[in-house]
Amino acid sequence: MEKLSEKECIPCRGDTPALEGKQLKDLYQQLDGEWTLVEDHHLTREYAFDDFQGALNFTNRIGKMSEEQGHHPEIYLTWGNVTLKVYTHAINGLSESDFIWAAKAENLY
């Protein structure tokens, strides 16, 4: 089975249903245990750093990867901390691309 981080995000059309049930849970189980699935709607993950510069550098790497994938998270940057929230806005829920994106974010940490 191909790892999530090796796949590419695919733009989601608004008529694609959000993931649910077994399909949603199966994809979630492929992620690092630090990601939180919130109300089957979005994924969140907090990353800790020793200083602001480390957090900023990570944020910039996330931004670059997001542009390359055409899939963009919500990013909250503070001193020594970056919090990410990802879901597919077009469907107001989770698509496979959200899980692919989250796996790619893990590789950047």
C-alpha atoms as a PDB file:
ATOM      1  CA  MET A   1       0.000   0.000   0.000  1.00  0.00           C
ATOM      2  CA  GLU A   2       1.304   3.442  -0.946  1.00  0.00           C
ATOM      3  CA  LYS A   3       2.085   5.660   2.039  1.00  0.00           C
ATOM      4  CA  LEU A   4      -0.041   8.783   2.358  1.00  0.00           C
ATOM      5  CA  SER A   5       3.027  11.034   2.275  1.00  0.00           C
ATOM      6  CA  GLU A   6       3.981   9.629  -1.146  1.00  0.00           C
ATOM      7  CA  LYS A   7       0.663  10.614  -2.737  1.00  0.00           C
ATOM      8  CA  GLU A   8      -0.252  14.016  -4.149  1.00  0.00           C
ATOM      9  CA  CYS A   9      -3.160  16.163  -3.041  1.00  0.00           C
ATOM     10  CA  ILE A  10      -5.963  16.273  -5.603  1.00  0.00           C
ATOM     11  CA  PRO A  11      -8.216  19.318  -5.877  1.00  0.00           C
ATOM     12  CA  CYS A  12     -11.639  18.498  -4.516  1.00  0.00           C
ATOM     13  CA  ARG A  13     -14.802  19.451  -6.334  1.00  0.00           C
ATOM     14  CA  GLY A  14     -17.597  20.828  -4.194  1.00  0.00           C
ATOM     15  CA  ASP A  15     -19.897  17.933  -5.124  1.00  0.00           C
ATOM     16  CA  THR A  16     -17.559  15.329  -3.609  1.00  0.00           C
ATOM     17  CA  PRO A  17     -18.937  14.097  -0.288  1.00  0.00           C
ATOM     18  CA  ALA A  18     -16.855  14.494   2.860  1.00  0.00           C
ATOM     19  CA  LEU A  19     -15.288  11.296   4.169  1.00  0.00           C
ATOM     20  CA  GLU A  20     -17.090   9.468   6.933  1.00  0.00           C
ATOM     21  CA  GLY A  21     -17.297   6.135   8.674  1.00  0.00           C
ATOM     22  CA  LYS A  22     -14.759   3.389   8.002  1.00  0.00           C
ATOM     23  CA  GLN A  23     -13.014   5.231   5.171  1.00  0.00           C
ATOM     24  CA  LEU A  24     -12.402   8.238   7.433  1.00  0.00           C
ATOM     25  CA  LYS A  25     -11.173   6.096  10.342  1.00  0.00           C
ATOM     26  CA  ASP A  26      -8.880   4.013   8.106  1.00  0.00           C
ATOM     27  CA  LEU A  27      -7.129   7.128   6.784  1.00  0.00           C
ATOM     28  CA  TYR A  28      -6.873   8.611  10.266  1.00  0.00           C
ATOM     29  CA  GLN A  29      -5.155   5.479  11.554  1.00  0.00           C
ATOM     30  CA  GLN A  30      -2.420   5.954   8.937  1.00  0.00           C
ATOM     31  CA  LEU A  31      -1.369   9.263  10.507  1.00  0.00           C
ATOM     32  CA  ASP A  32       1.050   9.891  13.333  1.00  0.00           C
ATOM     33  CA  GLY A  33      -0.756   9.550  16.663  1.00  0.00           C
ATOM     34  CA  GLU A  34      -0.263  13.256  17.395  1.00  0.00           C
ATOM     35  CA  TRP A  35      -2.971  14.352  14.962  1.00  0.00           C
ATOM     36  CA  THR A  36      -6.435  14.867  16.422  1.00  0.00           C
ATOM     37  CA  LEU A  37      -9.589  14.144  14.450  1.00  0.00           C
ATOM     38  CA  VAL A  38     -12.144  16.734  15.561  1.00  0.00           C
ATOM     39  CA  GLU A  39     -15.832  15.861  15.148  1.00  0.00           C
ATOM     40  CA  ASP A  40     -15.043  13.967  11.913  1.00  0.00           C
ATOM     41  CA  HIS A  41     -14.661  17.439  10.353  1.00  0.00           C
ATOM     42  CA  HIS A  42     -11.004  18.507  10.572  1.00  0.00           C
ATOM     43  CA  LEU A  43      -7.544  17.489  11.703  1.00  0.00           C
ATOM     44  CA  THR A  44      -5.387  19.454  14.137  1.00  0.00           C
ATOM     45  CA  ARG A  45      -1.818  19.044  15.297  1.00  0.00           C
ATOM     46  CA  GLU A  46       0.409  21.143  17.543  1.00  0.00           C
ATOM     47  CA  TYR A  47       4.174  21.273  17.074  1.00  0.00           C
ATOM     48  CA  ALA A  48       6.593  22.522  19.741  1.00  0.00           C
ATOM     49  CA  PHE A  49       9.894  24.305  19.062  1.00  0.00           C
ATOM     50  CA  ASP A  50      12.671  25.706  21.234  1.00  0.00           C
ATOM     51  CA  ASP A  51      12.197  29.247  19.973  1.00  0.00           C
ATOM     52  CA  PHE A  52      10.280  31.524  17.639  1.00  0.00           C
ATOM     53  CA  GLN A  53      12.726  31.088  14.745  1.00  0.00           C
ATOM     54  CA  GLY A  54      12.288  27.315  14.714  1.00  0.00           C
ATOM     55  CA  ALA A  55       8.511  27.696  14.652  1.00  0.00           C
ATOM     56  CA  LEU A  56       8.749  30.301  11.891  1.00  0.00           C
ATOM     57  CA  ASN A  57      11.055  28.123   9.787  1.00  0.00           C
ATOM     58  CA  PHE A  58       8.609  25.217  10.084  1.00  0.00           C
ATOM     59  CA  THR A  59       5.718  27.513   9.147  1.00  0.00           C
ATOM     60  CA  ASN A  60       7.602  28.566   6.017  1.00  0.00           C
ATOM     61  CA  ARG A  61       8.259  24.923   5.061  1.00  0.00           C
ATOM     62  CA  ILE A  62       4.561  24.167   5.580  1.00  0.00           C
ATOM     63  CA  GLY A  63       3.650  27.136   3.384  1.00  0.00           C
ATOM     64  CA  LYS A  64       5.944  25.998   0.578  1.00  0.00           C
ATOM     65  CA  MET A  65       4.616  22.435   0.685  1.00  0.00           C
ATOM     66  CA  SER A  66       1.022  23.720   0.775  1.00  0.00           C
ATOM     67  CA  GLU A  67       1.594  25.802  -2.347  1.00  0.00           C
ATOM     68  CA  GLU A  68       3.176  22.813  -4.121  1.00  0.00           C
ATOM     69  CA  GLN A  69       0.204  20.612  -3.181  1.00  0.00           C
ATOM     70  CA  GLY A  70      -2.455  23.258  -3.854  1.00  0.00           C
ATOM     71  CA  HIS A  71      -3.936  22.458  -0.443  1.00  0.00           C
ATOM     72  CA  HIS A  72      -3.786  24.985   2.376  1.00  0.00           C
ATOM     73  CA  PRO A  73      -4.211  24.696   6.163  1.00  0.00           C
ATOM     74  CA  GLU A  74      -5.024  27.173   8.857  1.00  0.00           C
ATOM     75  CA  ILE A  75      -1.756  28.010  10.634  1.00  0.00           C
ATOM     76  CA  TYR A  76      -1.397  29.520  14.095  1.00  0.00           C
ATOM     77  CA  LEU A  77       2.159  30.604  14.888  1.00  0.00           C
ATOM     78  CA  THR A  78       3.316  31.689  18.340  1.00  0.00           C
ATOM     79  CA  TRP A  79       6.655  31.679  20.153  1.00  0.00           C
ATOM     80  CA  GLY A  80       7.847  28.071  20.089  1.00  0.00           C
ATOM     81  CA  ASN A  81       4.579  26.663  18.774  1.00  0.00           C
ATOM     82  CA  VAL A  82       2.781  26.016  15.484  1.00  0.00           C
ATOM     83  CA  THR A  83      -0.776  24.700  15.398  1.00  0.00           C
ATOM     84  CA  LEU A  84      -2.174  23.363  12.132  1.00  0.00           C
ATOM     85  CA  LYS A  85      -5.803  22.781  11.219  1.00  0.00           C
ATOM     86  CA  VAL A  86      -6.696  21.191   7.908  1.00  0.00           C
ATOM     87  CA  TYR A  87      -9.896  20.267   6.133  1.00  0.00           C
ATOM     88  CA  THR A  88     -11.366  20.757   2.669  1.00  0.00           C
ATOM     89  CA  HIS A  89     -13.311  23.993   2.656  1.00  0.00           C
ATOM     90  CA  ALA A  90     -15.160  23.165  -0.598  1.00  0.00           C
ATOM     91  CA  ILE A  91     -16.937  20.263   1.116  1.00  0.00           C
ATOM     92  CA  ASN A  92     -16.779  21.558   4.707  1.00  0.00           C
ATOM     93  CA  GLY A  93     -15.197  18.315   5.833  1.00  0.00           C
ATOM     94  CA  LEU A  94     -12.338  15.920   5.247  1.00  0.00           C
ATOM     95  CA  SER A  95     -11.120  14.518   1.944  1.00  0.00           C
ATOM     96  CA  GLU A  96      -8.254  12.123   1.274  1.00  0.00           C
ATOM     97  CA  SER A  97      -6.101  15.141   0.376  1.00  0.00           C
ATOM     98  CA  ASP A  98      -6.327  16.374   3.972  1.00  0.00           C
ATOM     99  CA  PHE A  99      -4.752  13.144   5.202  1.00  0.00           C
ATOM    100  CA  ILE A 100      -2.122  13.239   2.460  1.00  0.00           C
ATOM    101  CA  TRP A 101      -1.316  16.826   3.405  1.00  0.00           C
ATOM    102  CA  ALA A 102      -1.090  15.935   7.120  1.00  0.00           C
ATOM    103  CA  ALA A 103       1.308  13.055   6.375  1.00  0.00           C
ATOM    104  CA  LYS A 104       3.488  15.385   4.302  1.00  0.00           C
ATOM    105  CA  ALA A 105       3.488  17.928   7.165  1.00  0.00           C
ATOM    106  CA  GLU A 106       4.809  15.199   9.476  1.00  0.00           C
ATOM    107  CA  ASN A 107       7.749  14.665   7.125  1.00  0.00           C
ATOM    108  CA  LEU A 108       8.653  18.358   7.444  1.00  0.00           C
ATOM    109  CA  TYR A 109       8.823  18.351  11.237  1.00  0.00           C
END
